[in-house]
Amino acid sequence: MTEQPYGPTDAGAVVLDIGGDIGALVLHTTPELVGAEIEVSRVGSGTPRTHTAVRQRRDGPSVQYAAIFAALHAGDYVVHDLDGTPTDTVTIIGGHVATLDWSQH
């Protein structure tokens, strides 16, 4: 089975499911990471990692590259590098969108 490459997304293509104790994470990257799967795991929870792909995101003439985790329970998360190494931590707050910049990674 061959995986299909992810195409770009336009404004409004991603729905964030936030509110209550659910928040979201937008991880900004470079164009070289398009198609890469980024993983996060909740600190100390022992739960499986959650992953999402980096995609080109268009908003009119503006283009960005990001992995969007649309619904994460509030708490602290470890962001894993492409090789699985923990690299960053981020706090998710219910009803809010956290951002992390990997464009200089």
PDB file of N, CA and C in Angstrom:
ATOM      1  N   MET A   1       0.844  -1.171   0.000  1.00  0.00           N
ATOM      2  CA  MET A   1       0.000   0.000   0.000  1.00  0.00           C
ATOM      3  C   MET A   1       0.890   1.234   0.000  1.00  0.00           C
ATOM      4  N   THR A   2       0.679   2.137  -0.932  1.00  0.00           N
ATOM      5  CA  THR A   2       1.449   3.359  -1.042  1.00  0.00           C
ATOM      6  C   THR A   2       0.683   4.510  -0.430  1.00  0.00           C
ATOM      7  N   GLU A   3       1.384   5.301   0.423  1.00  0.00           N
ATOM      8  CA  GLU A   3       0.740   6.467   1.017  1.00  0.00           C
ATOM      9  C   GLU A   3       0.692   7.592  -0.001  1.00  0.00           C
ATOM     10  N   GLN A   4      -0.410   8.299  -0.026  1.00  0.00           N
ATOM     11  CA  GLN A   4      -0.562   9.438  -0.908  1.00  0.00           C
ATOM     12  C   GLN A   4       0.012  10.670  -0.216  1.00  0.00           C
ATOM     13  N   PRO A   5       0.732  11.518  -0.956  1.00  0.00           N
ATOM     14  CA  PRO A   5       1.246  12.742  -0.341  1.00  0.00           C
ATOM     15  C   PRO A   5       0.099  13.679   0.001  1.00  0.00           C
ATOM     16  N   TYR A   6       0.293  14.431   1.061  1.00  0.00           N
ATOM     17  CA  TYR A   6      -0.729  15.392   1.471  1.00  0.00           C
ATOM     18  C   TYR A   6      -0.606  16.646   0.633  1.00  0.00           C
ATOM     19  N   GLY A   7      -1.717  17.130   0.140  1.00  0.00           N
ATOM     20  CA  GLY A   7      -1.734  18.374  -0.603  1.00  0.00           C
ATOM     21  C   GLY A   7      -1.893  19.550   0.333  1.00  0.00           C
ATOM     22  N   PRO A   8      -1.836  20.758  -0.220  1.00  0.00           N
ATOM     23  CA  PRO A   8      -2.019  21.951   0.604  1.00  0.00           C
ATOM     24  C   PRO A   8      -3.460  22.067   1.076  1.00  0.00           C
ATOM     25  N   THR A   9      -3.640  22.823   2.151  1.00  0.00           N
ATOM     26  CA  THR A   9      -4.989  23.102   2.643  1.00  0.00           C
ATOM     27  C   THR A   9      -5.256  24.591   2.532  1.00  0.00           C
ATOM     28  N   ASP A  10      -6.491  24.939   2.290  1.00  0.00           N
ATOM     29  CA  ASP A  10      -6.888  26.338   2.201  1.00  0.00           C
ATOM     30  C   ASP A  10      -7.498  26.792   3.517  1.00  0.00           C
ATOM     31  N   ALA A  11      -7.686  28.088   3.646  1.00  0.00           N
ATOM     32  CA  ALA A  11      -8.304  28.656   4.842  1.00  0.00           C
ATOM     33  C   ALA A  11      -9.638  27.967   5.105  1.00  0.00           C
ATOM     34  N   GLY A  12      -9.882  27.614   6.355  1.00  0.00           N
ATOM     35  CA  GLY A  12     -11.129  26.972   6.731  1.00  0.00           C
ATOM     36  C   GLY A  12     -11.137  25.468   6.567  1.00  0.00           C
ATOM     37  N   ALA A  13     -10.018  24.876   6.124  1.00  0.00           N
ATOM     38  CA  ALA A  13      -9.983  23.441   5.882  1.00  0.00           C
ATOM     39  C   ALA A  13      -9.765  22.632   7.158  1.00  0.00           C
ATOM     40  N   VAL A  14      -9.316  23.277   8.218  1.00  0.00           N
ATOM     41  CA  VAL A  14      -9.059  22.586   9.478  1.00  0.00           C
ATOM     42  C   VAL A  14     -10.050  23.090  10.513  1.00  0.00           C
ATOM     43  N   VAL A  15     -10.714  22.161  11.176  1.00  0.00           N
ATOM     44  CA  VAL A  15     -11.649  22.509  12.236  1.00  0.00           C
ATOM     45  C   VAL A  15     -10.999  22.160  13.567  1.00  0.00           C
ATOM     46  N   LEU A  16     -10.867  23.170  14.434  1.00  0.00           N
ATOM     47  CA  LEU A  16     -10.318  22.944  15.768  1.00  0.00           C
ATOM     48  C   LEU A  16     -11.459  22.593  16.700  1.00  0.00           C
ATOM     49  N   ASP A  17     -11.306  21.490  17.409  1.00  0.00           N
ATOM     50  CA  ASP A  17     -12.340  21.001  18.317  1.00  0.00           C
ATOM     51  C   ASP A  17     -11.962  21.392  19.736  1.00  0.00           C
ATOM     52  N   ILE A  18     -12.030  22.706  20.039  1.00  0.00           N
ATOM     53  CA  ILE A  18     -11.573  23.186  21.337  1.00  0.00           C
ATOM     54  C   ILE A  18     -12.725  23.700  22.178  1.00  0.00           C
ATOM     55  N   GLY A  19     -12.498  23.682  23.477  1.00  0.00           N
ATOM     56  CA  GLY A  19     -13.486  24.139  24.452  1.00  0.00           C
ATOM     57  C   GLY A  19     -13.438  23.224  25.652  1.00  0.00           C
ATOM     58  N   GLY A  20     -13.916  23.690  26.786  1.00  0.00           N
ATOM     59  CA  GLY A  20     -13.819  22.891  27.999  1.00  0.00           C
ATOM     60  C   GLY A  20     -12.365  22.602  28.313  1.00  0.00           C
ATOM     61  N   ASP A  21     -12.000  21.323  28.428  1.00  0.00           N
ATOM     62  CA  ASP A  21     -10.598  20.986  28.708  1.00  0.00           C
ATOM     63  C   ASP A  21      -9.837  20.558  27.446  1.00  0.00           C
ATOM     64  N   ILE A  22     -10.358  20.933  26.276  1.00  0.00           N
ATOM     65  CA  ILE A  22      -9.710  20.591  25.011  1.00  0.00           C
ATOM     66  C   ILE A  22      -9.134  21.852  24.361  1.00  0.00           C
ATOM     67  N   GLY A  23      -7.848  21.789  24.022  1.00  0.00           N
ATOM     68  CA  GLY A  23      -7.175  22.867  23.311  1.00  0.00           C
ATOM     69  C   GLY A  23      -6.550  22.330  22.046  1.00  0.00           C
ATOM     70  N   ALA A  24      -5.782  23.157  21.357  1.00  0.00           N
ATOM     71  CA  ALA A  24      -5.146  22.752  20.110  1.00  0.00           C
ATOM     72  C   ALA A  24      -3.698  23.242  20.091  1.00  0.00           C
ATOM     73  N   LEU A  25      -2.925  22.664  19.173  1.00  0.00           N
ATOM     74  CA  LEU A  25      -1.529  23.059  18.979  1.00  0.00           C
ATOM     75  C   LEU A  25      -1.273  23.250  17.494  1.00  0.00           C
ATOM     76  N   VAL A  26      -0.694  24.404  17.148  1.00  0.00           N
ATOM     77  CA  VAL A  26      -0.224  24.663  15.792  1.00  0.00           C
ATOM     78  C   VAL A  26       1.294  24.734  15.865  1.00  0.00           C
ATOM     79  N   LEU A  27       1.946  23.808  15.172  1.00  0.00           N
ATOM     80  CA  LEU A  27       3.402  23.732  15.157  1.00  0.00           C
ATOM     81  C   LEU A  27       3.886  24.211  13.788  1.00  0.00           C
ATOM     82  N   HIS A  28       4.477  25.406  13.749  1.00  0.00           N
ATOM     83  CA  HIS A  28       4.965  25.994  12.496  1.00  0.00           C
ATOM     84  C   HIS A  28       6.307  25.377  12.118  1.00  0.00           C
ATOM     85  N   THR A  29       6.479  25.048  10.837  1.00  0.00           N
ATOM     86  CA  THR A  29       7.706  24.395  10.372  1.00  0.00           C
ATOM     87  C   THR A  29       8.210  25.058   9.094  1.00  0.00           C
ATOM     88  N   THR A  30       9.202  24.434   8.520  1.00  0.00           N
ATOM     89  CA  THR A  30       9.741  24.852   7.229  1.00  0.00           C
ATOM     90  C   THR A  30       9.107  24.016   6.129  1.00  0.00           C
ATOM     91  N   PRO A  31       9.188  24.458   4.873  1.00  0.00           N
ATOM     92  CA  PRO A  31       8.605  23.690   3.759  1.00  0.00           C
ATOM     93  C   PRO A  31       9.219  22.298   3.607  1.00  0.00           C
ATOM     94  N   GLU A  32      10.449  22.129   4.051  1.00  0.00           N
ATOM     95  CA  GLU A  32      11.118  20.826   3.915  1.00  0.00           C
ATOM     96  C   GLU A  32      10.432  19.721   4.710  1.00  0.00           C
ATOM     97  N   LEU A  33       9.621  20.084   5.684  1.00  0.00           N
ATOM     98  CA  LEU A  33       8.955  19.066   6.519  1.00  0.00           C
ATOM     99  C   LEU A  33       7.568  18.671   6.021  1.00  0.00           C
ATOM    100  N   VAL A  34       7.117  19.223   4.893  1.00  0.00           N
ATOM    101  CA  VAL A  34       5.802  18.858   4.366  1.00  0.00           C
ATOM    102  C   VAL A  34       5.726  17.341   4.191  1.00  0.00           C
ATOM    103  N   GLY A  35       4.672  16.749   4.731  1.00  0.00           N
ATOM    104  CA  GLY A  35       4.469  15.306   4.666  1.00  0.00           C
ATOM    105  C   GLY A  35       5.016  14.553   5.863  1.00  0.00           C
ATOM    106  N   ALA A  36       5.908  15.175   6.640  1.00  0.00           N
ATOM    107  CA  ALA A  36       6.472  14.518   7.829  1.00  0.00           C
ATOM    108  C   ALA A  36       5.402  14.399   8.906  1.00  0.00           C
ATOM    109  N   GLU A  37       5.439  13.302   9.633  1.00  0.00           N
ATOM    110  CA  GLU A  37       4.523  13.086  10.750  1.00  0.00           C
ATOM    111  C   GLU A  37       5.209  13.563  12.034  1.00  0.00           C
ATOM    112  N   ILE A  38       4.553  14.464  12.747  1.00  0.00           N
ATOM    113  CA  ILE A  38       5.041  14.975  14.020  1.00  0.00           C
ATOM    114  C   ILE A  38       4.207  14.330  15.122  1.00  0.00           C
ATOM    115  N   GLU A  39       4.883  13.925  16.195  1.00  0.00           N
ATOM    116  CA  GLU A  39       4.196  13.261  17.295  1.00  0.00           C
ATOM    117  C   GLU A  39       4.296  14.088  18.574  1.00  0.00           C
ATOM    118  N   VAL A  40       3.229  14.013  19.385  1.00  0.00           N
ATOM    119  CA  VAL A  40       3.224  14.586  20.725  1.00  0.00           C
ATOM    120  C   VAL A  40       2.736  13.511  21.692  1.00  0.00           C
ATOM    121  N   SER A  41       3.176  13.626  22.930  1.00  0.00           N
ATOM    122  CA  SER A  41       2.672  12.728  23.974  1.00  0.00           C
ATOM    123  C   SER A  41       2.499  13.534  25.255  1.00  0.00           C
ATOM    124  N   ARG A  42       1.495  13.171  25.989  1.00  0.00           N
ATOM    125  CA  ARG A  42       1.210  13.875  27.240  1.00  0.00           C
ATOM    126  C   ARG A  42       2.261  13.508  28.276  1.00  0.00           C
ATOM    127  N   VAL A  43       2.783  14.498  28.966  1.00  0.00           N
ATOM    128  CA  VAL A  43       3.825  14.285  29.965  1.00  0.00           C
ATOM    129  C   VAL A  43       3.292  13.392  31.074  1.00  0.00           C
ATOM    130  N   GLY A  44       4.003  12.301  31.360  1.00  0.00           N
ATOM    131  CA  GLY A  44       3.700  11.425  32.481  1.00  0.00           C
ATOM    132  C   GLY A  44       2.417  10.637  32.394  1.00  0.00           C
ATOM    133  N   SER A  45       1.770  10.593  31.246  1.00  0.00           N
ATOM    134  CA  SER A  45       0.471   9.929  31.183  1.00  0.00           C
ATOM    135  C   SER A  45       0.558   8.464  30.785  1.00  0.00           C
ATOM    136  N   GLY A  46       1.620   8.096  30.066  1.00  0.00           N
ATOM    137  CA  GLY A  46       1.720   6.725  29.578  1.00  0.00           C
ATOM    138  C   GLY A  46       0.776   6.430  28.429  1.00  0.00           C
ATOM    139  N   THR A  47       0.075   7.450  27.934  1.00  0.00           N
ATOM    140  CA  THR A  47      -0.835   7.242  26.809  1.00  0.00           C
ATOM    141  C   THR A  47      -0.037   7.229  25.512  1.00  0.00           C
ATOM    142  N   PRO A  48      -0.582   6.616  24.475  1.00  0.00           N
ATOM    143  CA  PRO A  48       0.120   6.581  23.191  1.00  0.00           C
ATOM    144  C   PRO A  48       0.321   7.983  22.623  1.00  0.00           C
ATOM    145  N   ARG A  49       1.308   8.097  21.763  1.00  0.00           N
ATOM    146  CA  ARG A  49       1.565   9.362  21.090  1.00  0.00           C
ATOM    147  C   ARG A  49       0.458   9.653  20.079  1.00  0.00           C
ATOM    148  N   THR A  50       0.236  10.933  19.863  1.00  0.00           N
ATOM    149  CA  THR A  50      -0.693  11.403  18.839  1.00  0.00           C
ATOM    150  C   THR A  50       0.148  12.013  17.738  1.00  0.00           C
ATOM    151  N   HIS A  51      -0.239  11.800  16.486  1.00  0.00           N
ATOM    152  CA  HIS A  51       0.565  12.350  15.395  1.00  0.00           C
ATOM    153  C   HIS A  51      -0.312  13.047  14.367  1.00  0.00           C
ATOM    154  N   THR A  52       0.333  13.935  13.633  1.00  0.00           N
ATOM    155  CA  THR A  52      -0.319  14.625  12.520  1.00  0.00           C
ATOM    156  C   THR A  52       0.755  15.033  11.523  1.00  0.00           C
ATOM    157  N   ALA A  53       0.348  15.263  10.300  1.00  0.00           N
ATOM    158  CA  ALA A  53       1.293  15.582   9.225  1.00  0.00           C
ATOM    159  C   ALA A  53       1.476  17.089   9.070  1.00  0.00           C
ATOM    160  N   VAL A  54       2.677  17.452   8.671  1.00  0.00           N
ATOM    161  CA  VAL A  54       2.959  18.830   8.288  1.00  0.00           C
ATOM    162  C   VAL A  54       2.389  19.037   6.885  1.00  0.00           C
ATOM    163  N   ARG A  55       1.669  20.130   6.712  1.00  0.00           N
ATOM    164  CA  ARG A  55       1.083  20.438   5.403  1.00  0.00           C
ATOM    165  C   ARG A  55       1.273  21.907   5.088  1.00  0.00           C
ATOM    166  N   GLN A  56       1.217  22.199   3.805  1.00  0.00           N
ATOM    167  CA  GLN A  56       1.218  23.593   3.381  1.00  0.00           C
ATOM    168  C   GLN A  56      -0.161  24.167   3.693  1.00  0.00           C
ATOM    169  N   ARG A  57      -0.182  25.320   4.322  1.00  0.00           N
ATOM    170  CA  ARG A  57      -1.442  25.961   4.708  1.00  0.00           C
ATOM    171  C   ARG A  57      -1.538  27.300   3.984  1.00  0.00           C
ATOM    172  N   ARG A  58      -2.575  27.461   3.181  1.00  0.00           N
ATOM    173  CA  ARG A  58      -2.772  28.696   2.415  1.00  0.00           C
ATOM    174  C   ARG A  58      -3.893  29.514   3.019  1.00  0.00           C
ATOM    175  N   ASP A  59      -3.659  30.806   3.065  1.00  0.00           N
ATOM    176  CA  ASP A  59      -4.688  31.755   3.483  1.00  0.00           C
ATOM    177  C   ASP A  59      -4.572  32.947   2.557  1.00  0.00           C
ATOM    178  N   GLY A  60      -5.274  32.864   1.447  1.00  0.00           N
ATOM    179  CA  GLY A  60      -5.137  33.888   0.412  1.00  0.00           C
ATOM    180  C   GLY A  60      -3.732  33.836  -0.156  1.00  0.00           C
ATOM    181  N   PRO A  61      -3.040  34.967  -0.187  1.00  0.00           N
ATOM    182  CA  PRO A  61      -1.688  34.983  -0.735  1.00  0.00           C
ATOM    183  C   PRO A  61      -0.629  34.463   0.250  1.00  0.00           C
ATOM    184  N   SER A  62      -0.998  34.314   1.510  1.00  0.00           N
ATOM    185  CA  SER A  62      -0.060  33.864   2.543  1.00  0.00           C
ATOM    186  C   SER A  62       0.069  32.340   2.537  1.00  0.00           C
ATOM    187  N   VAL A  63       1.309  31.853   2.658  1.00  0.00           N
ATOM    188  CA  VAL A  63       1.559  30.413   2.738  1.00  0.00           C
ATOM    189  C   VAL A  63       2.393  30.133   3.982  1.00  0.00           C
ATOM    190  N   GLN A  64       1.949  29.163   4.769  1.00  0.00           N
ATOM    191  CA  GLN A  64       2.693  28.711   5.943  1.00  0.00           C
ATOM    192  C   GLN A  64       2.774  27.202   5.899  1.00  0.00           C
ATOM    193  N   TYR A  65       3.622  26.641   6.726  1.00  0.00           N
ATOM    194  CA  TYR A  65       3.783  25.192   6.825  1.00  0.00           C
ATOM    195  C   TYR A  65       3.611  24.835   8.293  1.00  0.00           C
ATOM    196  N   ALA A  66       2.697  23.905   8.558  1.00  0.00           N
ATOM    197  CA  ALA A  66       2.390  23.615   9.952  1.00  0.00           C
ATOM    198  C   ALA A  66       1.778  22.230  10.121  1.00  0.00           C
ATOM    199  N   ALA A  67       2.000  21.688  11.316  1.00  0.00           N
ATOM    200  CA  ALA A  67       1.293  20.499  11.791  1.00  0.00           C
ATOM    201  C   ALA A  67       0.258  21.016  12.782  1.00  0.00           C
ATOM    202  N   ILE A  68      -0.991  20.606  12.611  1.00  0.00           N
ATOM    203  CA  ILE A  68      -2.054  21.095  13.484  1.00  0.00           C
ATOM    204  C   ILE A  68      -2.656  19.928  14.253  1.00  0.00           C
ATOM    205  N   PHE A  69      -2.556  20.022  15.577  1.00  0.00           N
ATOM    206  CA  PHE A  69      -3.195  19.055  16.467  1.00  0.00           C
ATOM    207  C   PHE A  69      -4.495  19.719  16.914  1.00  0.00           C
ATOM    208  N   ALA A  70      -5.608  19.299  16.321  1.00  0.00           N
ATOM    209  CA  ALA A  70      -6.877  20.011  16.437  1.00  0.00           C
ATOM    210  C   ALA A  70      -7.606  19.805  17.757  1.00  0.00           C
ATOM    211  N   ALA A  71      -7.267  18.777  18.523  1.00  0.00           N
ATOM    212  CA  ALA A  71      -7.978  18.519  19.782  1.00  0.00           C
ATOM    213  C   ALA A  71      -7.077  17.748  20.733  1.00  0.00           C
ATOM    214  N   LEU A  72      -6.516  18.461  21.717  1.00  0.00           N
ATOM    215  CA  LEU A  72      -5.676  17.829  22.745  1.00  0.00           C
ATOM    216  C   LEU A  72      -6.235  18.181  24.119  1.00  0.00           C
ATOM    217  N   HIS A  73      -6.278  17.201  25.010  1.00  0.00           N
ATOM    218  CA  HIS A  73      -6.708  17.470  26.384  1.00  0.00           C
ATOM    219  C   HIS A  73      -5.719  18.415  27.046  1.00  0.00           C
ATOM    220  N   ALA A  74      -6.226  19.284  27.899  1.00  0.00           N
ATOM    221  CA  ALA A  74      -5.376  20.238  28.602  1.00  0.00           C
ATOM    222  C   ALA A  74      -4.278  19.501  29.365  1.00  0.00           C
ATOM    223  N   GLY A  75      -3.082  20.078  29.370  1.00  0.00           N
ATOM    224  CA  GLY A  75      -1.945  19.502  30.078  1.00  0.00           C
ATOM    225  C   GLY A  75      -0.651  19.805  29.354  1.00  0.00           C
ATOM    226  N   ASP A  76       0.420  19.237  29.881  1.00  0.00           N
ATOM    227  CA  ASP A  76       1.738  19.424  29.287  1.00  0.00           C
ATOM    228  C   ASP A  76       2.039  18.282  28.330  1.00  0.00           C
ATOM    229  N   TYR A  77       2.602  18.640  27.174  1.00  0.00           N
ATOM    230  CA  TYR A  77       2.918  17.666  26.132  1.00  0.00           C
ATOM    231  C   TYR A  77       4.378  17.776  25.726  1.00  0.00           C
ATOM    232  N   VAL A  78       4.948  16.638  25.382  1.00  0.00           N
ATOM    233  CA  VAL A  78       6.280  16.575  24.790  1.00  0.00           C
ATOM    234  C   VAL A  78       6.102  16.486  23.282  1.00  0.00           C
ATOM    235  N   VAL A  79       6.855  17.299  22.550  1.00  0.00           N
ATOM    236  CA  VAL A  79       6.866  17.217  21.092  1.00  0.00           C
ATOM    237  C   VAL A  79       8.109  16.430  20.713  1.00  0.00           C
ATOM    238  N   HIS A  80       7.922  15.414  19.858  1.00  0.00           N
ATOM    239  CA  HIS A  80       9.014  14.528  19.472  1.00  0.00           C
ATOM    240  C   HIS A  80       9.557  14.903  18.096  1.00  0.00           C
ATOM    241  N   ASP A  81      10.891  14.927  17.988  1.00  0.00           N
ATOM    242  CA  ASP A  81      11.529  15.191  16.703  1.00  0.00           C
ATOM    243  C   ASP A  81      11.218  14.042  15.749  1.00  0.00           C
ATOM    244  N   LEU A  82      11.588  14.195  14.501  1.00  0.00           N
ATOM    245  CA  LEU A  82      11.270  13.174  13.496  1.00  0.00           C
ATOM    246  C   LEU A  82      11.849  11.807  13.835  1.00  0.00           C
ATOM    247  N   ASP A  83      12.948  11.786  14.579  1.00  0.00           N
ATOM    248  CA  ASP A  83      13.557  10.504  14.965  1.00  0.00           C
ATOM    249  C   ASP A  83      12.990   9.966  16.280  1.00  0.00           C
ATOM    250  N   GLY A  84      11.986  10.658  16.832  1.00  0.00           N
ATOM    251  CA  GLY A  84      11.337  10.208  18.062  1.00  0.00           C
ATOM    252  C   GLY A  84      11.908  10.814  19.330  1.00  0.00           C
ATOM    253  N   THR A  85      12.987  11.578  19.214  1.00  0.00           N
ATOM    254  CA  THR A  85      13.620  12.210  20.369  1.00  0.00           C
ATOM    255  C   THR A  85      12.751  13.350  20.897  1.00  0.00           C
ATOM    256  N   PRO A  86      12.503  13.393  22.220  1.00  0.00           N
ATOM    257  CA  PRO A  86      11.766  14.529  22.778  1.00  0.00           C
ATOM    258  C   PRO A  86      12.564  15.816  22.556  1.00  0.00           C
ATOM    259  N   THR A  87      11.902  16.858  22.042  1.00  0.00           N
ATOM    260  CA  THR A  87      12.621  18.102  21.756  1.00  0.00           C
ATOM    261  C   THR A  87      12.058  19.314  22.477  1.00  0.00           C
ATOM    262  N   ASP A  88      10.763  19.387  22.625  1.00  0.00           N
ATOM    263  CA  ASP A  88      10.130  20.565  23.219  1.00  0.00           C
ATOM    264  C   ASP A  88       8.995  20.109  24.115  1.00  0.00           C
ATOM    265  N   THR A  89       8.581  21.008  25.002  1.00  0.00           N
ATOM    266  CA  THR A  89       7.347  20.793  25.751  1.00  0.00           C
ATOM    267  C   THR A  89       6.446  22.001  25.515  1.00  0.00           C
ATOM    268  N   VAL A  90       5.174  21.748  25.564  1.00  0.00           N
ATOM    269  CA  VAL A  90       4.188  22.793  25.360  1.00  0.00           C
ATOM    270  C   VAL A  90       3.003  22.519  26.283  1.00  0.00           C
ATOM    271  N   THR A  91       2.419  23.588  26.805  1.00  0.00           N
ATOM    272  CA  THR A  91       1.248  23.463  27.667  1.00  0.00           C
ATOM    273  C   THR A  91      -0.004  23.766  26.855  1.00  0.00           C
ATOM    274  N   ILE A  92      -0.934  22.841  26.897  1.00  0.00           N
ATOM    275  CA  ILE A  92      -2.223  23.004  26.228  1.00  0.00           C
ATOM    276  C   ILE A  92      -3.241  23.440  27.279  1.00  0.00           C
ATOM    277  N   ILE A  93      -3.955  24.515  26.971  1.00  0.00           N
ATOM    278  CA  ILE A  93      -4.991  25.034  27.860  1.00  0.00           C
ATOM    279  C   ILE A  93      -6.333  24.881  27.147  1.00  0.00           C
ATOM    280  N   GLY A  94      -7.302  24.344  27.850  1.00  0.00           N
ATOM    281  CA  GLY A  94      -8.618  24.146  27.263  1.00  0.00           C
ATOM    282  C   GLY A  94      -9.188  25.429  26.675  1.00  0.00           C
ATOM    283  N   GLY A  95      -9.741  25.334  25.468  1.00  0.00           N
ATOM    284  CA  GLY A  95     -10.346  26.474  24.819  1.00  0.00           C
ATOM    285  C   GLY A  95      -9.363  27.410  24.132  1.00  0.00           C
ATOM    286  N   HIS A  96      -8.074  27.064  24.134  1.00  0.00           N
ATOM    287  CA  HIS A  96      -7.044  27.929  23.554  1.00  0.00           C
ATOM    288  C   HIS A  96      -6.217  27.176  22.524  1.00  0.00           C
ATOM    289  N   VAL A  97      -5.520  27.934  21.685  1.00  0.00           N
ATOM    290  CA  VAL A  97      -4.619  27.373  20.684  1.00  0.00           C
ATOM    291  C   VAL A  97      -3.192  27.753  21.065  1.00  0.00           C
ATOM    292  N   ALA A  98      -2.368  26.755  21.327  1.00  0.00           N
ATOM    293  CA  ALA A  98      -0.943  26.975  21.604  1.00  0.00           C
ATOM    294  C   ALA A  98      -0.190  26.944  20.280  1.00  0.00           C
ATOM    295  N   THR A  99       0.905  27.657  20.209  1.00  0.00           N
ATOM    296  CA  THR A  99       1.742  27.613  19.000  1.00  0.00           C
ATOM    297  C   THR A  99       3.172  27.307  19.400  1.00  0.00           C
ATOM    298  N   LEU A 100       3.864  26.659  18.487  1.00  0.00           N
ATOM    299  CA  LEU A 100       5.278  26.330  18.660  1.00  0.00           C
ATOM    300  C   LEU A 100       5.951  26.554  17.321  1.00  0.00           C
ATOM    301  N   ASP A 101       7.106  27.200  17.329  1.00  0.00           N
ATOM    302  CA  ASP A 101       7.796  27.545  16.087  1.00  0.00           C
ATOM    303  C   ASP A 101       8.992  26.636  15.873  1.00  0.00           C
ATOM    304  N   TRP A 102       8.886  25.746  14.876  1.00  0.00           N
ATOM    305  CA  TRP A 102       9.992  24.889  14.459  1.00  0.00           C
ATOM    306  C   TRP A 102      10.631  25.398  13.169  1.00  0.00           C
ATOM    307  N   SER A 103      10.283  26.613  12.750  1.00  0.00           N
ATOM    308  CA  SER A 103      10.806  27.108  11.484  1.00  0.00           C
ATOM    309  C   SER A 103      12.314  27.372  11.547  1.00  0.00           C
ATOM    310  N   GLN A 104      12.866  27.437  12.731  1.00  0.00           N
ATOM    311  CA  GLN A 104      14.320  27.613  12.904  1.00  0.00           C
ATOM    312  C   GLN A 104      14.991  26.310  13.313  1.00  0.00           C
ATOM    313  N   HIS A 105      14.258  25.224  13.366  1.00  0.00           N
ATOM    314  CA  HIS A 105      14.755  23.908  13.801  1.00  0.00           C
ATOM    315  C   HIS A 105      15.825  23.396  12.886  1.00  0.00           C
TER     316      HIS A 105
END
